[in-house]
Amino acid sequence: MVNVIFCAHGQLACAMLDSVRMVYGDVNVSAVEFIPGENAGDIASKLEELVSNRKEEEWLIAVDLQCGSPWNAAAGLAINNPHLRVISGLSLPLALEIVDNQQMLNVDELCQHLEIIASQCCVTWRQPETIEEDF
């Protein structure tokens, strides 16, 4: 079982968790908000509090933006914890995939799976071309 934390700017992490709960009900995911006035150190403290008692377990922190403060805070923890991974691009499709697979895959397999899913999540709808029939 991979323990999961959503961490993002503003209320996105909590809103994402609420959306996931609309689909699955209760899930094994925590959410950490990054609110105005905080810095990466503040976020790191919140994340460390969640992870500290279970450092030997596998963890995935899903953040919104690579190189943003949530990413920097999570990556700082991952440097010292070989069981912790960080992935960016948190979206509802990724969040649902995380919950779908957190019990079946280990943390590295889950990250590989999410990278594939992420490449499939952005799709542009285009007007179908009409084909005129010859009469």
N, C-alpha and C. Protein backbone atom coordinates (compact mmCIF):
# COMPACT_ATOMS: atom_id res chain seq x y z
N MET A 1 0.85 -1.18 0.00
CA MET A 1 0.00 0.00 0.00
C MET A 1 0.89 1.23 0.00
N VAL A 2 0.63 2.11 -0.95
CA VAL A 2 1.35 3.38 -1.03
C VAL A 2 0.53 4.44 -0.32
N ASN A 3 1.12 5.09 0.66
CA ASN A 3 0.47 6.21 1.33
C ASN A 3 0.58 7.42 0.41
N VAL A 4 -0.48 8.22 0.34
CA VAL A 4 -0.53 9.32 -0.62
C VAL A 4 -0.87 10.63 0.07
N ILE A 5 -0.18 11.69 -0.40
CA ILE A 5 -0.47 13.05 0.03
C ILE A 5 -0.61 13.91 -1.22
N PHE A 6 -1.70 14.67 -1.30
CA PHE A 6 -1.84 15.70 -2.32
C PHE A 6 -1.34 16.99 -1.70
N CYS A 7 -0.51 17.74 -2.41
CA CYS A 7 0.02 19.00 -1.90
C CYS A 7 0.06 20.00 -3.05
N ALA A 8 -0.60 21.14 -2.86
CA ALA A 8 -0.72 22.09 -3.96
C ALA A 8 -0.95 23.51 -3.45
N HIS A 9 -0.81 24.45 -4.38
CA HIS A 9 -1.05 25.86 -4.08
C HIS A 9 -2.53 26.09 -3.74
N GLY A 10 -2.76 26.97 -2.78
CA GLY A 10 -4.12 27.32 -2.40
C GLY A 10 -4.88 26.13 -1.86
N GLN A 11 -6.14 26.05 -2.22
CA GLN A 11 -7.01 24.99 -1.72
C GLN A 11 -7.11 23.81 -2.67
N LEU A 12 -6.26 23.77 -3.70
CA LEU A 12 -6.36 22.73 -4.71
C LEU A 12 -6.23 21.32 -4.13
N ALA A 13 -5.31 21.08 -3.23
CA ALA A 13 -5.11 19.73 -2.68
C ALA A 13 -6.36 19.24 -1.97
N CYS A 14 -6.96 20.09 -1.15
CA CYS A 14 -8.17 19.69 -0.43
C CYS A 14 -9.35 19.54 -1.38
N ALA A 15 -9.44 20.42 -2.37
CA ALA A 15 -10.52 20.31 -3.36
C ALA A 15 -10.36 19.03 -4.18
N MET A 16 -9.12 18.69 -4.51
CA MET A 16 -8.86 17.46 -5.26
C MET A 16 -9.27 16.25 -4.44
N LEU A 17 -8.93 16.26 -3.16
CA LEU A 17 -9.32 15.15 -2.29
C LEU A 17 -10.84 15.07 -2.19
N ASP A 18 -11.52 16.20 -2.08
CA ASP A 18 -12.99 16.20 -2.05
C ASP A 18 -13.56 15.60 -3.34
N SER A 19 -12.97 15.94 -4.47
CA SER A 19 -13.44 15.40 -5.75
C SER A 19 -13.22 13.90 -5.84
N VAL A 20 -12.07 13.43 -5.37
CA VAL A 20 -11.79 11.99 -5.36
C VAL A 20 -12.80 11.28 -4.46
N ARG A 21 -13.13 11.87 -3.34
CA ARG A 21 -14.11 11.26 -2.42
C ARG A 21 -15.50 11.21 -3.04
N MET A 22 -15.81 12.14 -3.94
CA MET A 22 -17.11 12.07 -4.64
C MET A 22 -17.20 10.81 -5.48
N VAL A 23 -16.07 10.36 -6.00
CA VAL A 23 -16.04 9.16 -6.85
C VAL A 23 -15.90 7.90 -6.01
N TYR A 24 -15.00 7.88 -5.03
CA TYR A 24 -14.65 6.66 -4.31
C TYR A 24 -15.11 6.60 -2.86
N GLY A 25 -15.62 7.68 -2.32
CA GLY A 25 -15.93 7.68 -0.89
C GLY A 25 -14.65 7.90 -0.10
N ASP A 26 -14.54 7.25 1.06
CA ASP A 26 -13.36 7.44 1.91
C ASP A 26 -12.14 6.80 1.26
N VAL A 27 -11.02 7.50 1.24
CA VAL A 27 -9.79 7.01 0.63
C VAL A 27 -8.61 7.23 1.57
N ASN A 28 -7.51 6.53 1.30
CA ASN A 28 -6.30 6.65 2.11
C ASN A 28 -5.38 7.72 1.49
N VAL A 29 -5.82 8.97 1.55
CA VAL A 29 -5.09 10.11 1.00
C VAL A 29 -5.21 11.27 1.98
N SER A 30 -4.12 12.00 2.15
CA SER A 30 -4.14 13.23 2.94
C SER A 30 -3.93 14.40 2.00
N ALA A 31 -4.27 15.60 2.46
CA ALA A 31 -4.09 16.81 1.65
C ALA A 31 -3.37 17.87 2.47
N VAL A 32 -2.43 18.55 1.81
CA VAL A 32 -1.69 19.64 2.44
C VAL A 32 -1.82 20.87 1.56
N GLU A 33 -2.34 21.94 2.14
CA GLU A 33 -2.49 23.21 1.41
C GLU A 33 -1.24 24.06 1.57
N PHE A 34 -0.97 24.85 0.56
CA PHE A 34 0.09 25.86 0.59
C PHE A 34 -0.62 27.21 0.53
N ILE A 35 -0.69 27.89 1.67
CA ILE A 35 -1.48 29.12 1.76
C ILE A 35 -0.59 30.36 1.71
N PRO A 36 -1.16 31.48 1.29
CA PRO A 36 -0.36 32.71 1.22
C PRO A 36 0.34 33.00 2.55
N GLY A 37 1.57 33.44 2.44
CA GLY A 37 2.37 33.74 3.63
C GLY A 37 3.27 32.60 4.04
N GLU A 38 3.01 31.38 3.52
CA GLU A 38 3.86 30.24 3.84
C GLU A 38 5.01 30.15 2.84
N ASN A 39 6.01 29.34 3.20
CA ASN A 39 7.11 29.06 2.29
C ASN A 39 7.33 27.55 2.26
N ALA A 40 8.32 27.13 1.49
CA ALA A 40 8.59 25.70 1.35
C ALA A 40 8.89 25.04 2.70
N GLY A 41 9.52 25.76 3.61
CA GLY A 41 9.79 25.22 4.93
C GLY A 41 8.53 24.91 5.71
N ASP A 42 7.53 25.77 5.58
CA ASP A 42 6.25 25.53 6.25
C ASP A 42 5.57 24.28 5.70
N ILE A 43 5.62 24.14 4.38
CA ILE A 43 5.01 22.97 3.75
C ILE A 43 5.78 21.71 4.17
N ALA A 44 7.10 21.79 4.16
CA ALA A 44 7.92 20.63 4.54
C ALA A 44 7.57 20.18 5.96
N SER A 45 7.32 21.11 6.85
CA SER A 45 6.95 20.75 8.23
C SER A 45 5.63 20.00 8.25
N LYS A 46 4.66 20.46 7.47
CA LYS A 46 3.35 19.77 7.41
C LYS A 46 3.51 18.37 6.83
N LEU A 47 4.30 18.25 5.77
CA LEU A 47 4.51 16.94 5.15
C LEU A 47 5.26 16.01 6.10
N GLU A 48 6.29 16.52 6.74
CA GLU A 48 7.09 15.71 7.67
C GLU A 48 6.22 15.18 8.80
N GLU A 49 5.29 15.99 9.26
CA GLU A 49 4.39 15.55 10.34
C GLU A 49 3.56 14.34 9.91
N LEU A 50 3.14 14.31 8.66
CA LEU A 50 2.35 13.18 8.16
C LEU A 50 3.21 11.93 7.95
N VAL A 51 4.43 12.11 7.50
CA VAL A 51 5.30 11.00 7.13
C VAL A 51 6.12 10.47 8.31
N SER A 52 6.41 11.30 9.28
CA SER A 52 7.41 11.00 10.31
C SER A 52 7.19 9.70 11.08
N ASN A 53 5.98 9.36 11.40
CA ASN A 53 5.73 8.15 12.20
C ASN A 53 5.74 6.88 11.36
N ARG A 54 5.78 7.04 10.04
CA ARG A 54 5.71 5.87 9.16
C ARG A 54 6.73 5.99 8.04
N LYS A 55 7.96 6.32 8.39
CA LYS A 55 9.02 6.55 7.40
C LYS A 55 9.41 5.30 6.64
N GLU A 56 9.20 4.13 7.20
CA GLU A 56 9.57 2.88 6.52
C GLU A 56 8.52 2.44 5.51
N GLU A 57 7.38 3.10 5.48
CA GLU A 57 6.34 2.78 4.50
C GLU A 57 6.56 3.58 3.23
N GLU A 58 5.96 3.12 2.13
CA GLU A 58 6.09 3.84 0.86
C GLU A 58 5.12 5.02 0.81
N TRP A 59 5.63 6.13 0.27
CA TRP A 59 4.86 7.37 0.18
C TRP A 59 4.95 7.96 -1.21
N LEU A 60 3.85 8.55 -1.65
CA LEU A 60 3.84 9.33 -2.88
C LEU A 60 3.21 10.68 -2.55
N ILE A 61 3.95 11.74 -2.84
CA ILE A 61 3.40 13.09 -2.69
C ILE A 61 3.14 13.61 -4.10
N ALA A 62 1.89 13.87 -4.41
CA ALA A 62 1.49 14.39 -5.72
C ALA A 62 1.28 15.89 -5.59
N VAL A 63 2.07 16.66 -6.33
CA VAL A 63 2.01 18.12 -6.27
C VAL A 63 1.49 18.68 -7.59
N ASP A 64 1.13 19.96 -7.55
CA ASP A 64 0.57 20.57 -8.76
C ASP A 64 1.64 20.95 -9.77
N LEU A 65 2.70 21.62 -9.35
CA LEU A 65 3.70 22.16 -10.26
C LEU A 65 5.11 21.69 -9.92
N GLN A 66 5.83 21.26 -10.94
CA GLN A 66 7.24 20.96 -10.73
C GLN A 66 7.97 22.27 -10.43
N CYS A 67 8.85 22.24 -9.47
CA CYS A 67 9.69 23.37 -9.05
C CYS A 67 8.95 24.46 -8.28
N GLY A 68 7.66 24.28 -7.99
CA GLY A 68 6.96 25.20 -7.10
C GLY A 68 7.30 24.86 -5.65
N SER A 69 6.81 25.65 -4.73
CA SER A 69 7.11 25.42 -3.31
C SER A 69 6.67 24.05 -2.81
N PRO A 70 5.47 23.54 -3.17
CA PRO A 70 5.12 22.19 -2.73
C PRO A 70 6.11 21.14 -3.26
N TRP A 71 6.51 21.28 -4.53
CA TRP A 71 7.51 20.37 -5.11
C TRP A 71 8.82 20.45 -4.34
N ASN A 72 9.30 21.67 -4.11
CA ASN A 72 10.57 21.85 -3.42
C ASN A 72 10.54 21.27 -2.01
N ALA A 73 9.44 21.48 -1.32
CA ALA A 73 9.31 20.94 0.04
C ALA A 73 9.29 19.42 0.02
N ALA A 74 8.50 18.83 -0.87
CA ALA A 74 8.39 17.38 -0.95
C ALA A 74 9.71 16.75 -1.41
N ALA A 75 10.35 17.37 -2.40
CA ALA A 75 11.63 16.84 -2.88
C ALA A 75 12.69 16.90 -1.79
N GLY A 76 12.65 17.94 -0.96
CA GLY A 76 13.58 18.04 0.16
C GLY A 76 13.42 16.89 1.13
N LEU A 77 12.18 16.45 1.35
CA LEU A 77 11.95 15.29 2.22
C LEU A 77 12.38 14.00 1.54
N ALA A 78 12.13 13.92 0.23
CA ALA A 78 12.46 12.70 -0.50
C ALA A 78 13.97 12.44 -0.54
N ILE A 79 14.76 13.49 -0.51
CA ILE A 79 16.22 13.33 -0.52
C ILE A 79 16.67 12.47 0.65
N ASN A 80 15.99 12.60 1.79
CA ASN A 80 16.37 11.87 3.00
C ASN A 80 15.50 10.65 3.29
N ASN A 81 14.57 10.34 2.40
CA ASN A 81 13.67 9.21 2.63
C ASN A 81 13.59 8.37 1.36
N PRO A 82 14.26 7.21 1.34
CA PRO A 82 14.27 6.39 0.12
C PRO A 82 12.91 5.76 -0.21
N HIS A 83 11.95 5.88 0.66
CA HIS A 83 10.62 5.31 0.43
C HIS A 83 9.62 6.35 -0.07
N LEU A 84 10.07 7.56 -0.31
CA LEU A 84 9.18 8.66 -0.68
C LEU A 84 9.45 9.11 -2.11
N ARG A 85 8.39 9.25 -2.90
CA ARG A 85 8.49 9.74 -4.27
C ARG A 85 7.62 10.98 -4.40
N VAL A 86 7.96 11.83 -5.37
CA VAL A 86 7.22 13.06 -5.63
C VAL A 86 6.89 13.08 -7.12
N ILE A 87 5.64 13.39 -7.43
CA ILE A 87 5.23 13.50 -8.82
C ILE A 87 4.46 14.79 -9.00
N SER A 88 4.69 15.48 -10.10
CA SER A 88 3.98 16.73 -10.37
C SER A 88 2.85 16.50 -11.36
N GLY A 89 2.04 17.53 -11.55
CA GLY A 89 0.94 17.46 -12.51
C GLY A 89 -0.36 16.97 -11.92
N LEU A 90 -0.54 17.18 -10.62
CA LEU A 90 -1.76 16.70 -9.96
C LEU A 90 -3.00 17.19 -10.70
N SER A 91 -3.82 16.27 -11.10
CA SER A 91 -5.08 16.54 -11.78
C SER A 91 -6.07 15.48 -11.32
N LEU A 92 -7.34 15.68 -11.63
CA LEU A 92 -8.33 14.68 -11.21
C LEU A 92 -8.08 13.32 -11.86
N PRO A 93 -7.76 13.24 -13.16
CA PRO A 93 -7.46 11.92 -13.72
C PRO A 93 -6.29 11.23 -13.01
N LEU A 94 -5.22 11.98 -12.70
CA LEU A 94 -4.10 11.37 -11.99
C LEU A 94 -4.49 10.98 -10.57
N ALA A 95 -5.23 11.83 -9.91
CA ALA A 95 -5.65 11.54 -8.54
C ALA A 95 -6.48 10.25 -8.49
N LEU A 96 -7.37 10.09 -9.44
CA LEU A 96 -8.19 8.87 -9.49
C LEU A 96 -7.33 7.64 -9.79
N GLU A 97 -6.36 7.78 -10.67
CA GLU A 97 -5.45 6.67 -10.97
C GLU A 97 -4.62 6.30 -9.75
N ILE A 98 -4.21 7.31 -9.00
CA ILE A 98 -3.44 7.03 -7.78
C ILE A 98 -4.26 6.16 -6.84
N VAL A 99 -5.49 6.57 -6.59
CA VAL A 99 -6.35 5.83 -5.66
C VAL A 99 -6.69 4.45 -6.22
N ASP A 100 -6.91 4.36 -7.53
CA ASP A 100 -7.19 3.07 -8.16
C ASP A 100 -6.06 2.06 -7.95
N ASN A 101 -4.83 2.55 -7.89
CA ASN A 101 -3.67 1.66 -7.94
C ASN A 101 -2.78 1.65 -6.71
N GLN A 102 -3.07 2.45 -5.71
CA GLN A 102 -2.17 2.57 -4.57
C GLN A 102 -2.06 1.29 -3.75
N GLN A 103 -3.03 0.40 -3.86
CA GLN A 103 -2.96 -0.85 -3.10
C GLN A 103 -2.32 -1.99 -3.90
N MET A 104 -2.30 -1.85 -5.23
CA MET A 104 -1.81 -2.95 -6.08
C MET A 104 -0.37 -2.77 -6.55
N LEU A 105 0.09 -1.53 -6.64
CA LEU A 105 1.42 -1.26 -7.17
C LEU A 105 2.33 -0.73 -6.07
N ASN A 106 3.63 -0.97 -6.22
CA ASN A 106 4.55 -0.32 -5.29
C ASN A 106 4.75 1.11 -5.77
N VAL A 107 5.46 1.91 -5.01
CA VAL A 107 5.56 3.34 -5.30
C VAL A 107 6.23 3.62 -6.64
N ASP A 108 7.25 2.85 -7.01
CA ASP A 108 7.92 3.08 -8.28
C ASP A 108 7.03 2.66 -9.46
N GLU A 109 6.35 1.53 -9.32
CA GLU A 109 5.42 1.11 -10.37
C GLU A 109 4.29 2.12 -10.53
N LEU A 110 3.81 2.64 -9.42
CA LEU A 110 2.74 3.63 -9.46
C LEU A 110 3.19 4.89 -10.19
N CYS A 111 4.40 5.36 -9.91
CA CYS A 111 4.91 6.55 -10.60
C CYS A 111 5.05 6.31 -12.10
N GLN A 112 5.56 5.15 -12.49
CA GLN A 112 5.67 4.82 -13.91
C GLN A 112 4.30 4.81 -14.58
N HIS A 113 3.33 4.21 -13.91
CA HIS A 113 1.96 4.17 -14.43
C HIS A 113 1.39 5.57 -14.59
N LEU A 114 1.62 6.42 -13.61
CA LEU A 114 1.08 7.78 -13.66
C LEU A 114 1.72 8.60 -14.78
N GLU A 115 2.99 8.38 -15.06
CA GLU A 115 3.63 9.08 -16.16
C GLU A 115 2.97 8.73 -17.49
N ILE A 116 2.59 7.48 -17.66
CA ILE A 116 1.89 7.06 -18.89
C ILE A 116 0.51 7.69 -18.94
N ILE A 117 -0.22 7.62 -17.83
CA ILE A 117 -1.57 8.19 -17.78
C ILE A 117 -1.54 9.69 -18.03
N ALA A 118 -0.57 10.38 -17.48
CA ALA A 118 -0.48 11.84 -17.64
C ALA A 118 -0.37 12.21 -19.11
N SER A 119 0.35 11.43 -19.87
CA SER A 119 0.51 11.74 -21.29
C SER A 119 -0.78 11.53 -22.07
N GLN A 120 -1.73 10.80 -21.48
CA GLN A 120 -2.99 10.51 -22.15
C GLN A 120 -4.14 11.40 -21.67
N CYS A 121 -3.89 12.23 -20.67
CA CYS A 121 -4.97 13.00 -20.04
C CYS A 121 -5.32 14.30 -20.76
N CYS A 122 -4.40 14.86 -21.49
CA CYS A 122 -4.67 16.12 -22.17
C CYS A 122 -5.06 15.82 -23.61
N VAL A 123 -6.33 16.02 -23.90
CA VAL A 123 -6.87 15.71 -25.22
C VAL A 123 -7.65 16.93 -25.71
N THR A 124 -7.48 17.27 -26.97
CA THR A 124 -8.21 18.38 -27.56
C THR A 124 -9.35 17.84 -28.41
N TRP A 125 -10.55 18.30 -28.15
CA TRP A 125 -11.68 17.94 -28.99
C TRP A 125 -11.64 18.76 -30.25
N ARG A 126 -11.82 18.12 -31.36
CA ARG A 126 -11.82 18.82 -32.64
C ARG A 126 -13.11 18.51 -33.38
N GLN A 127 -13.56 19.49 -34.10
CA GLN A 127 -14.74 19.32 -34.94
C GLN A 127 -14.45 18.23 -35.97
N PRO A 128 -15.31 17.23 -36.08
CA PRO A 128 -15.06 16.18 -37.08
C PRO A 128 -15.17 16.77 -38.49
N GLU A 129 -14.31 16.26 -39.33
CA GLU A 129 -14.40 16.69 -40.72
C GLU A 129 -15.58 15.99 -41.36
N THR A 130 -16.35 16.74 -42.11
CA THR A 130 -17.50 16.13 -42.81
C THR A 130 -17.06 15.68 -44.18
N ILE A 131 -17.52 14.56 -44.53
CA ILE A 131 -17.20 13.99 -45.84
C ILE A 131 -18.45 14.10 -46.71
N GLU A 132 -18.31 14.82 -47.78
CA GLU A 132 -19.45 14.94 -48.71
C GLU A 132 -19.47 13.73 -49.62
N GLU A 133 -20.66 13.19 -49.74
CA GLU A 133 -20.82 12.03 -50.60
C GLU A 133 -21.01 12.49 -52.04
N ASP A 134 -20.42 11.76 -52.95
CA ASP A 134 -20.64 12.06 -54.36
C ASP A 134 -21.97 11.45 -54.79
N PHE A 135 -22.75 12.24 -55.51
CA PHE A 135 -24.03 11.72 -56.00
C PHE A 135 -23.99 11.54 -57.48
